[in-house]
PDB file of N, CA and C in Angstrom:
ATOM      1  N   MET A   1      94.234 178.506  31.915  1.00  0.00           N
ATOM      2  CA  MET A   1      93.326 178.923  32.168  1.00  0.00           C
ATOM      3  C   MET A   1      94.031 180.202  31.978  1.00  0.00           C
ATOM      4  N   THR A   2      92.610 181.201  31.112  1.00  0.00           N
ATOM      5  CA  THR A   2      93.066 182.309  30.520  1.00  0.00           C
ATOM      6  C   THR A   2      92.387 183.425  31.523  1.00  0.00           C
ATOM      7  N   SER A   3      92.398 184.795  30.929  1.00  0.00           N
ATOM      8  CA  SER A   3      91.873 185.667  31.831  1.00  0.00           C
ATOM      9  C   SER A   3      90.312 185.712  32.025  1.00  0.00           C
ATOM     10  N   ARG A   4      89.660 185.307  30.857  1.00  0.00           N
ATOM     11  CA  ARG A   4      88.311 184.547  31.438  1.00  0.00           C
ATOM     12  C   ARG A   4      87.942 183.878  32.553  1.00  0.00           C
ATOM     13  N   PHE A   5      88.883 182.966  32.242  1.00  0.00           N
ATOM     14  CA  PHE A   5      88.531 181.909  33.617  1.00  0.00           C
ATOM     15  C   PHE A   5      88.658 182.423  34.554  1.00  0.00           C
ATOM     16  N   MET A   6      89.660 183.045  35.156  1.00  0.00           N
ATOM     17  CA  MET A   6      90.051 184.057  36.107  1.00  0.00           C
ATOM     18  C   MET A   6      88.617 185.183  36.537  1.00  0.00           C
ATOM     19  N   LEU A   7      88.123 185.784  35.407  1.00  0.00           N
ATOM     20  CA  LEU A   7      87.363 186.826  35.304  1.00  0.00           C
ATOM     21  C   LEU A   7      85.474 185.686  36.059  1.00  0.00           C
ATOM     22  N   ILE A   8      85.844 184.434  35.191  1.00  0.00           N
ATOM     23  CA  ILE A   8      84.852 184.192  35.586  1.00  0.00           C
ATOM     24  C   ILE A   8      84.710 183.413  37.183  1.00  0.00           C
ATOM     25  N   PHE A   9      86.300 183.039  37.585  1.00  0.00           N
ATOM     26  CA  PHE A   9      86.182 182.479  38.871  1.00  0.00           C
ATOM     27  C   PHE A   9      86.294 184.087  39.830  1.00  0.00           C
ATOM     28  N   ALA A  10      86.424 184.893  39.579  1.00  0.00           N
ATOM     29  CA  ALA A  10      86.014 186.217  40.821  1.00  0.00           C
ATOM     30  C   ALA A  10      84.516 186.358  40.594  1.00  0.00           C
ATOM     31  N   ALA A  11      83.859 186.766  39.459  1.00  0.00           N
ATOM     32  CA  ALA A  11      82.745 186.851  39.547  1.00  0.00           C
ATOM     33  C   ALA A  11      82.048 185.536  40.333  1.00  0.00           C
ATOM     34  N   ILE A  12      82.310 184.417  39.983  1.00  0.00           N
ATOM     35  CA  ILE A  12      81.588 183.584  41.014  1.00  0.00           C
ATOM     36  C   ILE A  12      81.761 183.938  42.736  1.00  0.00           C
ATOM     37  N   SER A  13      83.460 184.315  43.078  1.00  0.00           N
ATOM     38  CA  SER A  13      83.902 183.973  44.200  1.00  0.00           C
ATOM     39  C   SER A  13      83.087 185.322  44.980  1.00  0.00           C
ATOM     40  N   GLY A  14      83.386 186.534  44.612  1.00  0.00           N
ATOM     41  CA  GLY A  14      81.961 187.666  44.675  1.00  0.00           C
ATOM     42  C   GLY A  14      80.681 187.581  44.886  1.00  0.00           C
ATOM     43  N   PHE A  15      80.105 186.472  44.311  1.00  0.00           N
ATOM     44  CA  PHE A  15      78.899 185.700  44.498  1.00  0.00           C
ATOM     45  C   PHE A  15      78.985 185.117  45.846  1.00  0.00           C
ATOM     46  N   ILE A  16      80.083 184.384  45.725  1.00  0.00           N
ATOM     47  CA  ILE A  16      79.739 183.203  46.985  1.00  0.00           C
ATOM     48  C   ILE A  16      80.072 184.323  48.293  1.00  0.00           C
ATOM     49  N   PHE A  17      80.869 185.442  48.365  1.00  0.00           N
ATOM     50  CA  PHE A  17      81.292 186.468  49.395  1.00  0.00           C
ATOM     51  C   PHE A  17      80.271 187.393  49.984  1.00  0.00           C
ATOM     52  N   VAL A  18      79.254 187.984  49.068  1.00  0.00           N
ATOM     53  CA  VAL A  18      77.774 188.687  49.291  1.00  0.00           C
ATOM     54  C   VAL A  18      76.950 187.659  49.658  1.00  0.00           C
ATOM     55  N   ALA A  19      76.210 186.723  48.972  1.00  0.00           N
ATOM     56  CA  ALA A  19      75.457 185.625  49.388  1.00  0.00           C
ATOM     57  C   ALA A  19      75.441 184.770  50.933  1.00  0.00           C
ATOM     58  N   LEU A  20      77.123 184.314  51.685  1.00  0.00           N
ATOM     59  CA  LEU A  20      77.462 184.039  52.266  1.00  0.00           C
ATOM     60  C   LEU A  20      77.649 185.096  53.143  1.00  0.00           C
ATOM     61  N   GLY A  21      77.743 185.923  53.406  1.00  0.00           N
ATOM     62  CA  GLY A  21      77.981 187.727  54.044  1.00  0.00           C
ATOM     63  C   GLY A  21      76.782 187.880  54.830  1.00  0.00           C
ATOM     64  N   ALA A  22      75.521 187.802  54.014  1.00  0.00           N
ATOM     65  CA  ALA A  22      74.019 188.297  53.915  1.00  0.00           C
ATOM     66  C   ALA A  22      73.530 186.953  54.992  1.00  0.00           C
ATOM     67  N   PHE A  23      73.703 185.878  54.248  1.00  0.00           N
ATOM     68  CA  PHE A  23      73.286 184.696  55.023  1.00  0.00           C
ATOM     69  C   PHE A  23      73.398 184.758  56.575  1.00  0.00           C
ATOM     70  N   GLY A  24      75.446 185.046  55.886  1.00  0.00           N
ATOM     71  CA  GLY A  24      76.237 185.061  57.839  1.00  0.00           C
ATOM     72  C   GLY A  24      74.846 186.025  58.941  1.00  0.00           C
ATOM     73  N   ALA A  25      74.873 187.014  58.339  1.00  0.00           N
ATOM     74  CA  ALA A  25      74.395 188.239  59.049  1.00  0.00           C
ATOM     75  C   ALA A  25      73.100 187.830  58.902  1.00  0.00           C
ATOM     76  N   HIS A  26      72.282 187.153  58.644  1.00  0.00           N
ATOM     77  CA  HIS A  26      70.783 187.281  59.318  1.00  0.00           C
ATOM     78  C   HIS A  26      70.817 185.629  59.635  1.00  0.00           C
ATOM     79  N   VAL A  27      71.109 185.086  59.387  1.00  0.00           N
ATOM     80  CA  VAL A  27      70.465 183.877  59.666  1.00  0.00           C
ATOM     81  C   VAL A  27      71.746 183.034  60.625  1.00  0.00           C
ATOM     82  N   LEU A  28      72.741 183.049  60.152  1.00  0.00           N
ATOM     83  CA  LEU A  28      74.292 181.948  60.553  1.00  0.00           C
ATOM     84  C   LEU A  28      74.285 183.056  61.838  1.00  0.00           C
ATOM     85  N   SER A  29      74.112 184.584  62.415  1.00  0.00           N
ATOM     86  CA  SER A  29      74.221 184.871  63.616  1.00  0.00           C
ATOM     87  C   SER A  29      73.313 184.378  64.861  1.00  0.00           C
ATOM     88  N   LYS A  30      72.709 183.759  64.226  1.00  0.00           N
ATOM     89  CA  LYS A  30      71.268 183.414  64.988  1.00  0.00           C
ATOM     90  C   LYS A  30      71.855 182.066  65.834  1.00  0.00           C
ATOM     91  N   THR A  31      72.298 181.076  65.033  1.00  0.00           N
ATOM     92  CA  THR A  31      72.682 179.867  65.484  1.00  0.00           C
ATOM     93  C   THR A  31      73.911 179.466  65.405  1.00  0.00           C
ATOM     94  N   MET A  32      74.582 180.298  65.441  1.00  0.00           N
ATOM     95  CA  MET A  32      76.261 179.709  65.666  1.00  0.00           C
ATOM     96  C   MET A  32      76.948 180.820  66.951  1.00  0.00           C
ATOM     97  N   GLY A  33      77.554 180.088  67.352  1.00  0.00           N
ATOM     98  CA  GLY A  33      78.264 181.253  68.399  1.00  0.00           C
ATOM     99  C   GLY A  33      79.398 181.944  67.484  1.00  0.00           C
ATOM    100  N   ALA A  34      79.984 182.883  68.642  1.00  0.00           N
ATOM    101  CA  ALA A  34      80.811 183.763  68.457  1.00  0.00           C
ATOM    102  C   ALA A  34      82.132 183.383  67.404  1.00  0.00           C
ATOM    103  N   VAL A  35      82.341 182.031  68.463  1.00  0.00           N
ATOM    104  CA  VAL A  35      84.032 182.048  67.732  1.00  0.00           C
ATOM    105  C   VAL A  35      83.487 181.078  65.957  1.00  0.00           C
ATOM    106  N   GLU A  36      82.756 180.861  65.792  1.00  0.00           N
ATOM    107  CA  GLU A  36      82.002 180.041  64.765  1.00  0.00           C
ATOM    108  C   GLU A  36      82.040 181.551  63.703  1.00  0.00           C
ATOM    109  N   MET A  37      81.569 182.328  64.653  1.00  0.00           N
ATOM    110  CA  MET A  37      81.216 183.174  62.971  1.00  0.00           C
ATOM    111  C   MET A  37      82.680 184.335  63.359  1.00  0.00           C
ATOM    112  N   GLY A  38      83.394 184.061  64.072  1.00  0.00           N
ATOM    113  CA  GLY A  38      84.451 184.581  63.636  1.00  0.00           C
ATOM    114  C   GLY A  38      84.924 183.591  62.662  1.00  0.00           C
ATOM    115  N   TRP A  39      85.133 182.669  62.135  1.00  0.00           N
ATOM    116  CA  TRP A  39      85.866 182.113  61.330  1.00  0.00           C
ATOM    117  C   TRP A  39      85.065 182.289  59.995  1.00  0.00           C
ATOM    118  N   ILE A  40      84.090 182.302  60.284  1.00  0.00           N
ATOM    119  CA  ILE A  40      83.117 183.036  58.660  1.00  0.00           C
ATOM    120  C   ILE A  40      83.610 183.959  58.434  1.00  0.00           C
ATOM    121  N   GLN A  41      83.711 185.241  59.321  1.00  0.00           N
ATOM    122  CA  GLN A  41      84.243 186.407  59.304  1.00  0.00           C
ATOM    123  C   GLN A  41      85.755 186.662  58.328  1.00  0.00           C
ATOM    124  N   THR A  42      86.504 185.461  59.200  1.00  0.00           N
ATOM    125  CA  THR A  42      88.035 186.148  58.964  1.00  0.00           C
ATOM    126  C   THR A  42      88.018 185.296  57.411  1.00  0.00           C
ATOM    127  N   GLY A  43      87.199 184.290  57.122  1.00  0.00           N
ATOM    128  CA  GLY A  43      87.208 183.672  55.765  1.00  0.00           C
ATOM    129  C   GLY A  43      86.919 184.660  54.635  1.00  0.00           C
ATOM    130  N   LEU A  44      85.630 185.384  55.572  1.00  0.00           N
ATOM    131  CA  LEU A  44      85.106 186.360  54.547  1.00  0.00           C
ATOM    132  C   LEU A  44      86.030 187.431  53.650  1.00  0.00           C
ATOM    133  N   GLU A  45      86.749 187.983  55.321  1.00  0.00           N
ATOM    134  CA  GLU A  45      87.652 188.865  54.859  1.00  0.00           C
ATOM    135  C   GLU A  45      88.742 188.751  53.445  1.00  0.00           C
ATOM    136  N   TYR A  46      88.799 187.728  53.748  1.00  0.00           N
ATOM    137  CA  TYR A  46      90.336 187.104  52.795  1.00  0.00           C
ATOM    138  C   TYR A  46      89.602 187.232  51.742  1.00  0.00           C
ATOM    139  N   GLN A  47      88.574 186.509  51.707  1.00  0.00           N
ATOM    140  CA  GLN A  47      87.611 185.928  49.826  1.00  0.00           C
ATOM    141  C   GLN A  47      87.959 187.363  49.314  1.00  0.00           C
ATOM    142  N   ALA A  48      87.392 188.539  50.434  1.00  0.00           N
ATOM    143  CA  ALA A  48      87.003 189.549  49.794  1.00  0.00           C
ATOM    144  C   ALA A  48      87.945 190.357  48.667  1.00  0.00           C
ATOM    145  N   PHE A  49      89.282 190.476  49.553  1.00  0.00           N
ATOM    146  CA  PHE A  49      90.512 191.144  49.142  1.00  0.00           C
ATOM    147  C   PHE A  49      90.976 190.504  48.115  1.00  0.00           C
ATOM    148  N   HIS A  50      91.302 188.654  48.396  1.00  0.00           N
ATOM    149  CA  HIS A  50      91.905 188.210  47.349  1.00  0.00           C
ATOM    150  C   HIS A  50      91.157 188.062  45.735  1.00  0.00           C
ATOM    151  N   THR A  51      89.437 188.458  46.274  1.00  0.00           N
ATOM    152  CA  THR A  51      88.950 188.284  44.850  1.00  0.00           C
ATOM    153  C   THR A  51      88.708 189.315  44.253  1.00  0.00           C
ATOM    154  N   LEU A  52      89.247 190.469  45.118  1.00  0.00           N
ATOM    155  CA  LEU A  52      89.690 191.784  44.104  1.00  0.00           C
ATOM    156  C   LEU A  52      90.632 191.502  43.702  1.00  0.00           C
ATOM    157  N   ALA A  53      92.167 190.869  43.920  1.00  0.00           N
ATOM    158  CA  ALA A  53      93.371 190.933  43.340  1.00  0.00           C
ATOM    159  C   ALA A  53      93.020 189.941  41.807  1.00  0.00           C
ATOM    160  N   ILE A  54      92.157 189.141  42.389  1.00  0.00           N
ATOM    161  CA  ILE A  54      92.054 188.299  41.282  1.00  0.00           C
ATOM    162  C   ILE A  54      91.643 188.877  39.995  1.00  0.00           C
ATOM    163  N   LEU A  55      90.404 189.820  40.370  1.00  0.00           N
ATOM    164  CA  LEU A  55      89.616 190.562  39.526  1.00  0.00           C
ATOM    165  C   LEU A  55      90.772 191.277  38.800  1.00  0.00           C
ATOM    166  N   GLY A  56      91.776 191.919  39.894  1.00  0.00           N
ATOM    167  CA  GLY A  56      92.620 193.050  38.726  1.00  0.00           C
ATOM    168  C   GLY A  56      93.845 192.455  38.297  1.00  0.00           C
ATOM    169  N   LEU A  57      94.096 190.804  38.885  1.00  0.00           N
ATOM    170  CA  LEU A  57      95.157 190.075  37.763  1.00  0.00           C
ATOM    171  C   LEU A  57      94.448 189.920  36.354  1.00  0.00           C
ATOM    172  N   ALA A  58      93.324 189.227  36.247  1.00  0.00           N
ATOM    173  CA  ALA A  58      92.454 188.910  34.864  1.00  0.00           C
ATOM    174  C   ALA A  58      92.503 189.807  34.096  1.00  0.00           C
ATOM    175  N   VAL A  59      91.882 191.508  34.625  1.00  0.00           N
ATOM    176  CA  VAL A  59      92.072 192.795  33.171  1.00  0.00           C
ATOM    177  C   VAL A  59      93.638 192.556  33.328  1.00  0.00           C
ATOM    178  N   ALA A  60      94.730 192.569  34.303  1.00  0.00           N
ATOM    179  CA  ALA A  60      95.668 193.249  33.992  1.00  0.00           C
ATOM    180  C   ALA A  60      96.542 191.941  32.276  1.00  0.00           C
ATOM    181  N   MET A  61      95.921 190.745  33.069  1.00  0.00           N
ATOM    182  CA  MET A  61      95.988 189.518  31.483  1.00  0.00           C
ATOM    183  C   MET A  61      95.232 189.738  30.377  1.00  0.00           C
ATOM    184  N   GLN A  62      94.333 190.763  30.680  1.00  0.00           N
ATOM    185  CA  GLN A  62      93.812 190.796  28.964  1.00  0.00           C
ATOM    186  C   GLN A  62      94.786 191.991  28.160  1.00  0.00           C
ATOM    187  N   ARG A  63      94.877 193.106  29.207  1.00  0.00           N
ATOM    188  CA  ARG A  63      95.482 194.057  28.643  1.00  0.00           C
ATOM    189  C   ARG A  63      97.287 193.811  28.095  1.00  0.00           C
ATOM    190  N   ARG A  64      97.888 192.457  28.768  1.00  0.00           N
ATOM    191  CA  ARG A  64      99.044 192.012  28.447  1.00  0.00           C
ATOM    192  C   ARG A  64      99.631 190.769  29.056  1.00  0.00           C
ATOM    193  N   ILE A  65     100.238 189.612  27.870  1.00  0.00           N
ATOM    194  CA  ILE A  65      99.818 188.590  28.880  1.00  0.00           C
ATOM    195  C   ILE A  65     101.303 188.339  29.674  1.00  0.00           C
ATOM    196  N   SER A  66     101.270 187.654  30.661  1.00  0.00           N
ATOM    197  CA  SER A  66     102.484 187.578  31.610  1.00  0.00           C
ATOM    198  C   SER A  66     102.155 186.237  32.418  1.00  0.00           C
ATOM    199  N   ILE A  67     103.220 185.546  32.040  1.00  0.00           N
ATOM    200  CA  ILE A  67     102.954 184.183  32.587  1.00  0.00           C
ATOM    201  C   ILE A  67     102.988 184.528  34.670  1.00  0.00           C
ATOM    202  N   TRP A  68     103.839 185.821  34.650  1.00  0.00           N
ATOM    203  CA  TRP A  68     103.855 186.099  36.386  1.00  0.00           C
ATOM    204  C   TRP A  68     102.334 186.205  36.582  1.00  0.00           C
ATOM    205  N   PHE A  69     101.661 186.981  35.928  1.00  0.00           N
ATOM    206  CA  PHE A  69     100.569 187.277  36.506  1.00  0.00           C
ATOM    207  C   PHE A  69      99.068 186.302  36.212  1.00  0.00           C
ATOM    208  N   TYR A  70      99.851 185.102  35.757  1.00  0.00           N
ATOM    209  CA  TYR A  70      98.366 184.208  35.370  1.00  0.00           C
ATOM    210  C   TYR A  70      98.917 183.072  36.790  1.00  0.00           C
ATOM    211  N   TRP A  71     100.552 182.980  37.062  1.00  0.00           N
ATOM    212  CA  TRP A  71     100.214 181.965  38.058  1.00  0.00           C
ATOM    213  C   TRP A  71     100.002 182.990  39.570  1.00  0.00           C
ATOM    214  N   SER A  72     100.326 183.949  39.645  1.00  0.00           N
ATOM    215  CA  SER A  72     100.398 184.771  40.433  1.00  0.00           C
ATOM    216  C   SER A  72      98.199 184.528  40.816  1.00  0.00           C
ATOM    217  N   SER A  73      96.977 184.809  40.167  1.00  0.00           N
ATOM    218  CA  SER A  73      96.021 184.212  39.877  1.00  0.00           C
ATOM    219  C   SER A  73      95.705 182.874  40.024  1.00  0.00           C
ATOM    220  N   VAL A  74      96.603 182.052  39.744  1.00  0.00           N
ATOM    221  CA  VAL A  74      96.254 181.032  39.942  1.00  0.00           C
ATOM    222  C   VAL A  74      96.360 180.357  41.385  1.00  0.00           C
ATOM    223  N   PHE A  75      97.178 180.942  42.221  1.00  0.00           N
ATOM    224  CA  PHE A  75      97.737 181.056  43.503  1.00  0.00           C
ATOM    225  C   PHE A  75      96.767 181.361  44.256  1.00  0.00           C
ATOM    226  N   LEU A  76      96.434 182.671  43.881  1.00  0.00           N
ATOM    227  CA  LEU A  76      95.347 183.720  44.464  1.00  0.00           C
ATOM    228  C   LEU A  76      93.933 182.244  44.518  1.00  0.00           C
ATOM    229  N   ALA A  77      93.325 181.723  43.563  1.00  0.00           N
ATOM    230  CA  ALA A  77      92.459 181.495  43.510  1.00  0.00           C
ATOM    231  C   ALA A  77      92.167 179.718  44.328  1.00  0.00           C
ATOM    232  N   LEU A  78      93.385 179.187  43.746  1.00  0.00           N
ATOM    233  CA  LEU A  78      93.678 178.156  44.861  1.00  0.00           C
ATOM    234  C   LEU A  78      93.737 178.645  46.773  1.00  0.00           C
ATOM    235  N   GLY A  79      94.781 179.558  46.903  1.00  0.00           N
ATOM    236  CA  GLY A  79      95.158 180.126  48.059  1.00  0.00           C
ATOM    237  C   GLY A  79      93.154 180.079  48.723  1.00  0.00           C
ATOM    238  N   THR A  80      93.012 180.988  47.841  1.00  0.00           N
ATOM    239  CA  THR A  80      90.888 181.628  48.403  1.00  0.00           C
ATOM    240  C   THR A  80      90.429 180.153  48.879  1.00  0.00           C
ATOM    241  N   VAL A  81      89.797 179.356  47.802  1.00  0.00           N
ATOM    242  CA  VAL A  81      89.212 178.304  48.035  1.00  0.00           C
ATOM    243  C   VAL A  81      89.531 176.997  49.220  1.00  0.00           C
ATOM    244  N   LEU A  82      91.432 177.209  49.291  1.00  0.00           N
ATOM    245  CA  LEU A  82      91.887 175.959  50.474  1.00  0.00           C
ATOM    246  C   LEU A  82      91.138 177.020  51.862  1.00  0.00           C
ATOM    247  N   PHE A  83      91.847 178.144  51.820  1.00  0.00           N
ATOM    248  CA  PHE A  83      91.821 179.278  53.432  1.00  0.00           C
ATOM    249  C   PHE A  83      90.267 179.164  53.290  1.00  0.00           C
ATOM    250  N   SER A  84      89.447 180.280  53.028  1.00  0.00           N
ATOM    251  CA  SER A  84      88.177 180.415  53.121  1.00  0.00           C
ATOM    252  C   SER A  84      87.366 178.974  52.927  1.00  0.00           C
ATOM    253  N   GLY A  85      87.754 178.686  52.423  1.00  0.00           N
ATOM    254  CA  GLY A  85      86.760 177.183  52.334  1.00  0.00           C
ATOM    255  C   GLY A  85      86.883 176.593  53.425  1.00  0.00           C
ATOM    256  N   SER A  86      88.243 176.054  53.692  1.00  0.00           N
ATOM    257  CA  SER A  86      88.072 175.393  55.073  1.00  0.00           C
ATOM    258  C   SER A  86      87.881 175.914  56.179  1.00  0.00           C
ATOM    259  N   LEU A  87      87.808 177.513  56.125  1.00  0.00           N
ATOM    260  CA  LEU A  87      87.011 178.269  57.264  1.00  0.00           C
ATOM    261  C   LEU A  87      85.760 178.414  57.236  1.00  0.00           C
ATOM    262  N   TYR A  88      85.314 178.586  56.535  1.00  0.00           N
ATOM    263  CA  TYR A  88      83.487 178.165  56.262  1.00  0.00           C
ATOM    264  C   TYR A  88      83.142 176.689  56.409  1.00  0.00           C
ATOM    265  N   CYS A  89      83.674 175.214  56.071  1.00  0.00           N
ATOM    266  CA  CYS A  89      83.389 174.609  56.355  1.00  0.00           C
ATOM    267  C   CYS A  89      83.562 174.081  57.829  1.00  0.00           C
ATOM    268  N   LEU A  90      85.005 174.329  58.231  1.00  0.00           N
ATOM    269  CA  LEU A  90      85.242 173.829  60.013  1.00  0.00           C
ATOM    270  C   LEU A  90      83.402 175.089  60.978  1.00  0.00           C
ATOM    271  N   ALA A  91      83.730 176.253  60.309  1.00  0.00           N
ATOM    272  CA  ALA A  91      82.718 176.762  60.875  1.00  0.00           C
ATOM    273  C   ALA A  91      80.324 175.912  60.558  1.00  0.00           C
ATOM    274  N   LEU A  92      80.882 175.301  59.529  1.00  0.00           N
ATOM    275  CA  LEU A  92      79.462 175.231  59.136  1.00  0.00           C
ATOM    276  C   LEU A  92      78.992 173.736  59.700  1.00  0.00           C
ATOM    277  N   SER A  93      80.137 172.813  59.680  1.00  0.00           N
ATOM    278  CA  SER A  93      80.604 171.113  60.125  1.00  0.00           C
ATOM    279  C   SER A  93      80.432 171.197  60.901  1.00  0.00           C
ATOM    280  N   GLN A  94      81.952 172.204  61.824  1.00  0.00           N
ATOM    281  CA  GLN A  94      82.206 171.319  62.832  1.00  0.00           C
ATOM    282  C   GLN A  94      82.664 170.225  62.647  1.00  0.00           C
ATOM    283  N   SER A  95      83.627 170.028  61.154  1.00  0.00           N
ATOM    284  CA  SER A  95      84.408 168.606  61.212  1.00  0.00           C
ATOM    285  C   SER A  95      85.228 168.925  60.288  1.00  0.00           C
ATOM    286  N   ALA A  96      86.285 168.357  60.250  1.00  0.00           N
ATOM    287  CA  ALA A  96      87.543 168.602  59.112  1.00  0.00           C
ATOM    288  C   ALA A  96      87.001 168.257  57.844  1.00  0.00           C
ATOM    289  N   PHE A  97      87.757 168.960  56.797  1.00  0.00           N
ATOM    290  CA  PHE A  97      86.831 168.598  55.256  1.00  0.00           C
ATOM    291  C   PHE A  97      88.292 168.424  54.938  1.00  0.00           C
ATOM    292  N   VAL A  98      88.194 166.928  54.718  1.00  0.00           N
ATOM    293  CA  VAL A  98      89.390 166.269  53.512  1.00  0.00           C
ATOM    294  C   VAL A  98      91.132 166.731  54.318  1.00  0.00           C
ATOM    295  N   GLY A  99      91.059 166.556  55.529  1.00  0.00           N
ATOM    296  CA  GLY A  99      92.232 166.898  56.024  1.00  0.00           C
ATOM    297  C   GLY A  99      92.652 168.594  55.842  1.00  0.00           C
ATOM    298  N   VAL A 100      91.872 169.552  55.343  1.00  0.00           N
ATOM    299  CA  VAL A 100      92.437 170.862  55.055  1.00  0.00           C
ATOM    300  C   VAL A 100      91.832 172.040  56.401  1.00  0.00           C
ATOM    301  N   CYS A 101      90.264 171.166  57.029  1.00  0.00           N
ATOM    302  CA  CYS A 101      89.981 171.821  58.146  1.00  0.00           C
ATOM    303  C   CYS A 101      90.972 171.211  59.690  1.00  0.00           C
ATOM    304  N   HIS A 102      91.532 171.898  60.092  1.00  0.00           N
ATOM    305  CA  HIS A 102      92.865 171.591  61.046  1.00  0.00           C
ATOM    306  C   HIS A 102      92.933 172.659  62.114  1.00  0.00           C
ATOM    307  N   SER A 103      92.831 172.705  63.109  1.00  0.00           N
ATOM    308  CA  SER A 103      93.807 174.155  63.703  1.00  0.00           C
ATOM    309  C   SER A 103      95.057 173.371  64.132  1.00  0.00           C
ATOM    310  N   GLY A 104      95.973 172.812  63.351  1.00  0.00           N
ATOM    311  CA  GLY A 104      97.171 171.772  63.735  1.00  0.00           C
ATOM    312  C   GLY A 104      97.987 172.739  62.636  1.00  0.00           C
ATOM    313  N   TRP A 105      98.949 173.047  63.136  1.00  0.00           N
ATOM    314  CA  TRP A 105     100.169 173.910  61.967  1.00  0.00           C
ATOM    315  C   TRP A 105     100.119 173.209  60.677  1.00  0.00           C
ATOM    316  N   ARG A 106     100.383 171.763  61.080  1.00  0.00           N
ATOM    317  CA  ARG A 106     100.957 170.780  59.199  1.00  0.00           C
ATOM    318  C   ARG A 106      99.670 171.471  58.572  1.00  0.00           C
ATOM    319  N   ARG A 107      98.487 171.528  59.263  1.00  0.00           N
ATOM    320  CA  ARG A 107      97.542 171.457  57.667  1.00  0.00           C
ATOM    321  C   ARG A 107      96.995 173.198  57.895  1.00  0.00           C
ATOM    322  N   GLU A 108      98.122 174.253  58.497  1.00  0.00           N
ATOM    323  CA  GLU A 108      97.459 175.128  58.045  1.00  0.00           C
ATOM    324  C   GLU A 108      98.948 176.186  56.647  1.00  0.00           C
ATOM    325  N   LEU A 109      99.940 175.342  57.260  1.00  0.00           N
ATOM    326  CA  LEU A 109     100.353 175.679  56.322  1.00  0.00           C
ATOM    327  C   LEU A 109     100.634 175.719  55.016  1.00  0.00           C
ATOM    328  N   PRO A 110     100.072 174.627  54.114  1.00  0.00           N
ATOM    329  CA  PRO A 110      99.992 174.506  53.108  1.00  0.00           C
ATOM    330  C   PRO A 110      98.990 175.682  52.329  1.00  0.00           C
ATOM    331  N   ARG A 111      97.708 175.522  53.043  1.00  0.00           N
ATOM    332  CA  ARG A 111      96.985 176.871  52.840  1.00  0.00           C
ATOM    333  C   ARG A 111      96.826 178.388  53.124  1.00  0.00           C
ATOM    334  N   GLY A 112      97.798 178.354  53.392  1.00  0.00           N
ATOM    335  CA  GLY A 112      98.478 179.839  54.113  1.00  0.00           C
ATOM    336  C   GLY A 112      99.396 180.207  52.989  1.00  0.00           C
ATOM    337  N   LEU A 113     100.371 179.149  52.925  1.00  0.00           N
ATOM    338  CA  LEU A 113     101.265 179.357  51.847  1.00  0.00           C
ATOM    339  C   LEU A 113     100.889 179.748  50.716  1.00  0.00           C
ATOM    340  N   GLY A 114     100.154 178.434  49.947  1.00  0.00           N
ATOM    341  CA  GLY A 114      99.303 179.329  48.782  1.00  0.00           C
ATOM    342  C   GLY A 114      99.253 180.646  48.419  1.00  0.00           C
ATOM    343  N   VAL A 115      98.449 180.897  49.717  1.00  0.00           N
ATOM    344  CA  VAL A 115      97.714 182.376  49.621  1.00  0.00           C
ATOM    345  C   VAL A 115      98.910 183.551  49.438  1.00  0.00           C
ATOM    346  N   ASN A 116      99.906 183.072  50.453  1.00  0.00           N
ATOM    347  CA  ASN A 116     101.432 183.826  50.055  1.00  0.00           C
ATOM    348  C   ASN A 116     101.969 183.904  49.267  1.00  0.00           C
ATOM    349  N   VAL A 117     101.994 182.403  48.575  1.00  0.00           N
ATOM    350  CA  VAL A 117     102.845 182.075  47.146  1.00  0.00           C
ATOM    351  C   VAL A 117     102.271 183.360  46.423  1.00  0.00           C
ATOM    352  N   SER A 118     101.220 183.642  46.391  1.00  0.00           N
ATOM    353  CA  SER A 118     100.406 184.822  45.023  1.00  0.00           C
ATOM    354  C   SER A 118     100.748 185.837  45.228  1.00  0.00           C
ATOM    355  N   TRP A 119     100.571 186.518  46.485  1.00  0.00           N
ATOM    356  CA  TRP A 119     101.303 187.711  46.733  1.00  0.00           C
ATOM    357  C   TRP A 119     102.493 187.834  46.037  1.00  0.00           C
ATOM    358  N   CYS A 120     103.301 187.356  46.647  1.00  0.00           N
ATOM    359  CA  CYS A 120     104.673 187.386  46.153  1.00  0.00           C
ATOM    360  C   CYS A 120     105.291 186.937  44.675  1.00  0.00           C
ATOM    361  N   TYR A 121     104.374 186.295  44.082  1.00  0.00           N
ATOM    362  CA  TYR A 121     104.994 185.483  42.326  1.00  0.00           C
ATOM    363  C   TYR A 121     104.782 186.850  41.942  1.00  0.00           C
ATOM    364  N   PRO A 122     104.371 187.649  41.164  1.00  0.00           N
ATOM    365  CA  PRO A 122     104.195 188.892  40.871  1.00  0.00           C
ATOM    366  C   PRO A 122     105.805 189.611  40.219  1.00  0.00           C
ATOM    367  N   PHE A 123     106.266 189.632  41.622  1.00  0.00           N
ATOM    368  CA  PHE A 123     107.348 189.942  41.839  1.00  0.00           C
ATOM    369  C   PHE A 123     108.571 189.549  41.706  1.00  0.00           C
TER     370      PHE A 123
END
């Protein structure tokens, strides 16, 4: 994966963030309960911050090639897809998503760990 791939990922993630945020505000808020909307809101918050971080790392990778920037952006992308995606899945379908969506701690650890490792990796 190159900086170009991460820029594309950040653009797609940003689009999904805006689209799902608007869809949630205008459509889902009328059909979902407060708990499900809370899951979507949490997923959107994490996705927004991590999309900006991936964008920043992709720009940094264009200026300076660094294995640390690369792996940090990979872990951020993976953590975003697993964490935010599982929250969206849980809220929209009320079912487990291939063992990723579950409230148990054994399923929370891997997706949260990917996000946390990505923040620490550049240092």
